[in-house]
Amino acid sequence: MLQATKLTKRYQDVVALDALTLTVEPGEVFCLLGANGAGKTTTINLFLNFIAPTSGTASINGLDVTAAPLETKKYLAYIPETVMLYKNLTGIENLEYFAALAGRADYTRADLLRFFAEVGLAAEAADRRVGTYSKGMRQKVGIAIALAKGAKALLLDEPTSGLDPKASNEFSALLSRLSGDGVAVLMATHDLFRAKESGTRVGIMKRGALVAVHGTDEFSHADLERVYLEHMHD
C-alpha cells in the first residue's frame, strides 16, 4: 500500500533522506525510529507530497504521489503531532466537515456518532466545542476522520507526543483496530515503548538513512532500546 523506492531528498549539500526503500503492507504498522533530523518527518512529508523528492518515488496503492497527488490522497489520512481542527466547531461538526471534504457528505448524525463511539469518544463530547478537548480527544477525532474517509493508509507523525499513558494506550488500541481492518500505517515516533506495543515492524533511521529494520516480535522492550542506542552511537 505504501512504498518508497530509493526515495531521496536533498537541500543543497544536506541529505535529508538518502535512497530510502521500504514497503508497508495492508494491516502493517511500520514505526520509524530515530533522533531529530534522522529523516522521519521528511519521509512522511514526501508521502504526503508536501515536498518534492530529489529522486526516487513515493507510491500509495501503486500510484506515484507526485504524478497523482489528488488520487493518492483519496486513500490516505494524516495525523500530525497536533491535529488541526476548528476549535469553535463541535467535535461532530468537525467530523462532518472533514468527511464531506473527503467526498462523504452523505453521513447521518447517527453515522457520525458511531464513528465517535468507535474511537472511544463519549456521545456527550460530540456536541462540545473542540477548543474544550484534551489533546488525546483531538487525536481520536483525527482517527474518526480517517474511519469516516475509509482511508486505506495512515501517516502518523509523533501522534502520541504529549499524551498521558492512558491516552497513549487508547491510541495504540485504535491503531491495532485499524491494522486489523487492513489499514497500512506508517508512524514516525520517538517513543520506543509505543513502537514496540503498536508496531509490527520498526525501522531505525540515522542521518537520513534507514540503517535497520526489525519485527517487533524479535525483541523485548529492553532489547529494542539496546539495539536502538547501539545504532545511535557514532
Foldseek 3Di string as FASTA:
>chain_A
DKWWAQFWADDVPATLAGGDTDDFFFLFAEEEAEDPSLNQVVVLCLLLVVDDTPDTFIDAPRHTCVVPVPVRCLQEAEAEQFRDFDQQAALLVRLCVLLVVSVPNPDDPVRLLVLCVVLPHDSVRRRDGNVPDDRLSSLSSSLSSCVSSVHQEYEYEANCVPPDPVSLVSVLVSLNVSSVVGRGYYYYHNDLVSCLSRGQKYFYGGSNYGDDIDGSVVDDSVVSVVVNVVVVDD
